Amino acid sequence: MKKEDGFTLLEVLSGLLIAGIILITALNLLEGMWKGSLTLKGQLEAQYALMTAGRTVSDEIRRAKTVQWDKNACELKVLPPIEEENPSQIADSYFVADLDYDGIKDLYWKHMGVPQPIASFVTGWESVEVEPGLWEIILKVTVDKQSVTSRQVIRQRVYPSASSQSAAPEAL
């Protein structure tokens, strides 16, 4: 009898079993990496939205002539200094809403009666005047079950009144 070259059925089955175990392990590792990347993506989006919203609101409070928080409407009303774009001195407002009806709340800036989105995923915010001219802003952003909260304190610049400007001595 001549011995034939090749694999036996037992060798083929054991090879398939080992290859299957390796593939299942590799797929589990890839799935874990995928879930980790989605979590990281949610955290980064939340941090970016928080940074954008916080920076915009704090910059506007710093340069505002007057600032007022409407607790019932959760709306911050800011009267900017006199500029060419807003000569009629209409107060800008900042509020959280879902005006585009996509199920995601956004922070909006209403300038000259037109709302414009600033940051998405803002689920809560509050402004408190700690003392005259000192504001505490609390923002909460939630993206894919990843929540980030920020508290910042902003000092409003003091704009001199027209009477104090005329009484000030001129520099030579």
Protein backbone atom coordinates (compact mmCIF):
# COMPACT_ATOMS: atom_id res chain seq x y z
CA MET A 1 0.00 0.00 0.00
CA LYS A 2 1.14 3.43 -0.91
CA LYS A 3 0.73 6.25 1.60
CA GLU A 4 -1.08 9.29 0.14
CA ASP A 5 0.03 12.81 0.97
CA GLY A 6 -2.50 15.23 2.50
CA PHE A 7 -4.33 16.06 5.69
CA THR A 8 -6.65 13.82 7.58
CA LEU A 9 -10.11 14.94 8.57
CA LEU A 10 -9.00 15.31 12.17
CA GLU A 11 -6.13 17.64 11.17
CA VAL A 12 -8.43 19.80 9.05
CA LEU A 13 -11.03 20.11 11.83
CA SER A 14 -8.43 21.00 14.46
CA GLY A 15 -6.94 23.63 12.11
CA LEU A 16 -10.39 25.16 11.53
CA LEU A 17 -11.06 25.18 15.28
CA ILE A 18 -7.78 27.03 16.00
CA ALA A 19 -8.42 29.53 13.17
CA GLY A 20 -11.97 30.14 14.47
CA ILE A 21 -10.71 30.84 17.99
CA ILE A 22 -8.13 33.31 16.65
CA LEU A 23 -10.77 35.08 14.50
CA ILE A 24 -13.26 35.34 17.39
CA THR A 25 -10.56 36.80 19.64
CA ALA A 26 -9.53 39.32 16.97
CA LEU A 27 -13.15 40.38 16.37
CA ASN A 28 -13.71 40.88 20.13
CA LEU A 29 -10.62 43.08 20.29
CA LEU A 30 -11.76 45.12 17.28
CA GLU A 31 -15.24 45.53 18.77
CA GLY A 32 -13.74 46.78 22.05
CA MET A 33 -11.56 49.24 20.17
CA TRP A 34 -14.58 50.43 18.17
CA LYS A 35 -16.66 51.01 21.32
CA GLY A 36 -13.73 52.81 22.94
CA SER A 37 -13.34 55.09 19.93
CA LEU A 38 -17.07 55.93 19.98
CA THR A 39 -16.84 56.81 23.69
CA LEU A 40 -13.79 58.98 23.05
CA LYS A 41 -15.54 60.65 20.11
CA GLY A 42 -18.52 61.50 22.35
CA GLN A 43 -16.23 62.92 25.03
CA LEU A 44 -14.32 65.04 22.52
CA GLU A 45 -17.51 66.36 20.92
CA ALA A 46 -18.89 67.25 24.34
CA GLN A 47 -15.66 69.02 25.33
CA TYR A 48 -15.57 70.95 22.05
CA ALA A 49 -19.23 72.03 22.31
CA LEU A 50 -18.64 73.09 25.91
CA MET A 51 -15.53 75.06 24.99
CA THR A 52 -17.26 76.79 22.07
CA ALA A 53 -20.36 77.72 24.08
CA GLY A 54 -18.38 78.84 27.12
CA ARG A 55 -15.96 80.95 25.17
CA THR A 56 -18.67 82.68 23.14
CA VAL A 57 -20.82 83.51 26.16
CA SER A 58 -17.88 84.63 28.30
CA ASP A 59 -16.54 86.88 25.52
CA GLU A 60 -19.95 88.51 25.13
CA ILE A 61 -20.34 89.06 28.87
CA ARG A 62 -16.87 90.62 29.07
CA ARG A 63 -17.59 93.15 26.35
CA ALA A 64 -21.25 93.78 27.22
CA LYS A 65 -22.60 97.11 28.30
CA THR A 66 -25.34 95.42 30.35
CA VAL A 67 -26.09 91.78 31.15
CA GLN A 68 -29.36 90.35 32.45
CA TRP A 69 -30.38 86.73 33.19
CA ASP A 70 -34.05 85.81 32.74
CA LYS A 71 -34.44 82.83 35.09
CA ASN A 72 -37.91 81.85 33.84
CA ALA A 73 -36.87 81.63 30.18
CA CYS A 74 -33.26 80.54 30.92
CA GLU A 75 -32.16 83.33 28.63
CA LEU A 76 -29.17 85.64 28.92
CA LYS A 77 -29.78 89.12 27.53
CA VAL A 78 -26.68 91.10 26.61
CA LEU A 79 -26.59 94.70 25.44
CA PRO A 80 -23.37 95.06 23.47
CA PRO A 81 -21.47 98.35 23.33
CA ILE A 82 -22.46 100.78 20.59
CA GLU A 83 -21.24 99.44 17.26
CA GLU A 84 -21.89 100.10 13.62
CA GLU A 85 -23.65 96.70 13.27
CA ASN A 86 -26.10 97.43 16.10
CA PRO A 87 -26.65 101.20 16.25
CA SER A 88 -30.22 100.85 17.55
CA GLN A 89 -28.93 99.07 20.70
CA ILE A 90 -31.08 95.94 20.47
CA ALA A 91 -30.11 93.41 23.14
CA ASP A 92 -28.70 90.08 21.98
CA SER A 93 -29.92 86.97 23.76
CA TYR A 94 -28.53 83.49 24.37
CA PHE A 95 -30.83 80.54 24.99
CA VAL A 96 -31.04 76.76 24.65
CA ALA A 97 -33.62 75.33 22.25
CA ASP A 98 -34.17 72.83 19.44
CA LEU A 99 -35.11 75.24 16.66
CA ASP A 100 -33.96 72.90 13.86
CA TYR A 101 -36.13 70.04 15.23
CA ASP A 102 -33.40 67.39 15.03
CA GLY A 103 -33.88 66.25 18.63
CA ILE A 104 -30.65 67.91 19.79
CA LYS A 105 -30.75 71.04 21.92
CA ASP A 106 -28.42 73.80 20.81
CA LEU A 107 -27.22 77.05 22.34
CA TYR A 108 -28.50 79.90 20.17
CA TRP A 109 -27.46 83.51 19.82
CA LYS A 110 -30.30 85.82 18.81
CA HIS A 111 -28.83 88.91 17.15
CA MET A 112 -31.10 91.56 15.62
CA GLY A 113 -34.02 89.11 15.99
CA VAL A 114 -32.37 86.24 14.08
CA PRO A 115 -31.34 83.11 16.03
CA GLN A 116 -28.07 81.44 15.06
CA PRO A 117 -26.72 78.20 16.58
CA ILE A 118 -23.45 78.40 18.51
CA ALA A 119 -22.98 74.91 19.97
CA SER A 120 -24.92 71.66 19.86
CA PHE A 121 -25.74 69.15 22.60
CA VAL A 122 -26.17 71.82 25.31
CA THR A 123 -28.60 70.21 27.75
CA GLY A 124 -28.56 72.83 30.47
CA TRP A 125 -27.20 76.21 31.42
CA GLU A 126 -27.54 78.90 34.00
CA SER A 127 -26.09 82.33 34.65
CA VAL A 128 -25.86 83.90 38.07
CA GLU A 129 -24.63 87.38 38.92
CA VAL A 130 -22.44 86.66 41.93
CA GLU A 131 -21.83 90.33 42.57
CA PRO A 132 -22.31 93.40 40.38
CA GLY A 133 -20.34 92.82 37.20
CA LEU A 134 -19.21 89.27 38.15
CA TRP A 135 -21.08 86.44 36.43
CA GLU A 136 -20.92 82.68 36.97
CA ILE A 137 -21.84 80.62 33.91
CA ILE A 138 -22.76 76.94 34.32
CA LEU A 139 -23.00 74.87 31.12
CA LYS A 140 -23.84 71.18 30.70
CA VAL A 141 -23.26 69.30 27.45
CA THR A 142 -24.31 65.69 26.78
CA VAL A 143 -23.19 63.71 23.73
CA ASP A 144 -23.90 59.96 23.43
CA LYS A 145 -24.30 59.51 27.21
CA GLN A 146 -21.07 61.48 27.80
CA SER A 147 -21.81 64.50 30.01
CA VAL A 148 -19.46 67.39 30.68
CA THR A 149 -20.19 70.33 32.97
CA SER A 150 -18.35 73.62 33.18
CA ARG A 151 -18.43 76.46 35.68
CA GLN A 152 -16.66 79.68 34.90
CA VAL A 153 -16.64 83.11 36.44
CA ILE A 154 -16.45 86.12 34.13
CA ARG A 155 -15.97 89.74 35.07
CA GLN A 156 -17.91 92.19 32.96
CA ARG A 157 -15.92 95.18 31.77
CA VAL A 158 -17.18 98.47 33.10
CA TYR A 159 -18.10 100.99 30.43
CA PRO A 160 -17.91 104.60 31.56
CA SER A 161 -21.01 106.69 31.19
CA ALA A 162 -21.12 109.61 28.72
CA SER A 163 -20.94 112.19 31.54
CA SER A 164 -17.74 110.71 33.02
CA GLN A 165 -16.11 110.62 29.57
CA SER A 166 -16.69 114.32 29.01
CA ALA A 167 -15.34 115.19 32.48
CA ALA A 168 -12.12 113.21 32.00
CA PRO A 169 -9.01 115.28 31.27
CA GLU A 170 -7.53 114.91 27.81
CA ALA A 171 -4.08 113.41 27.43
CA LEU A 172 -1.48 115.56 25.70
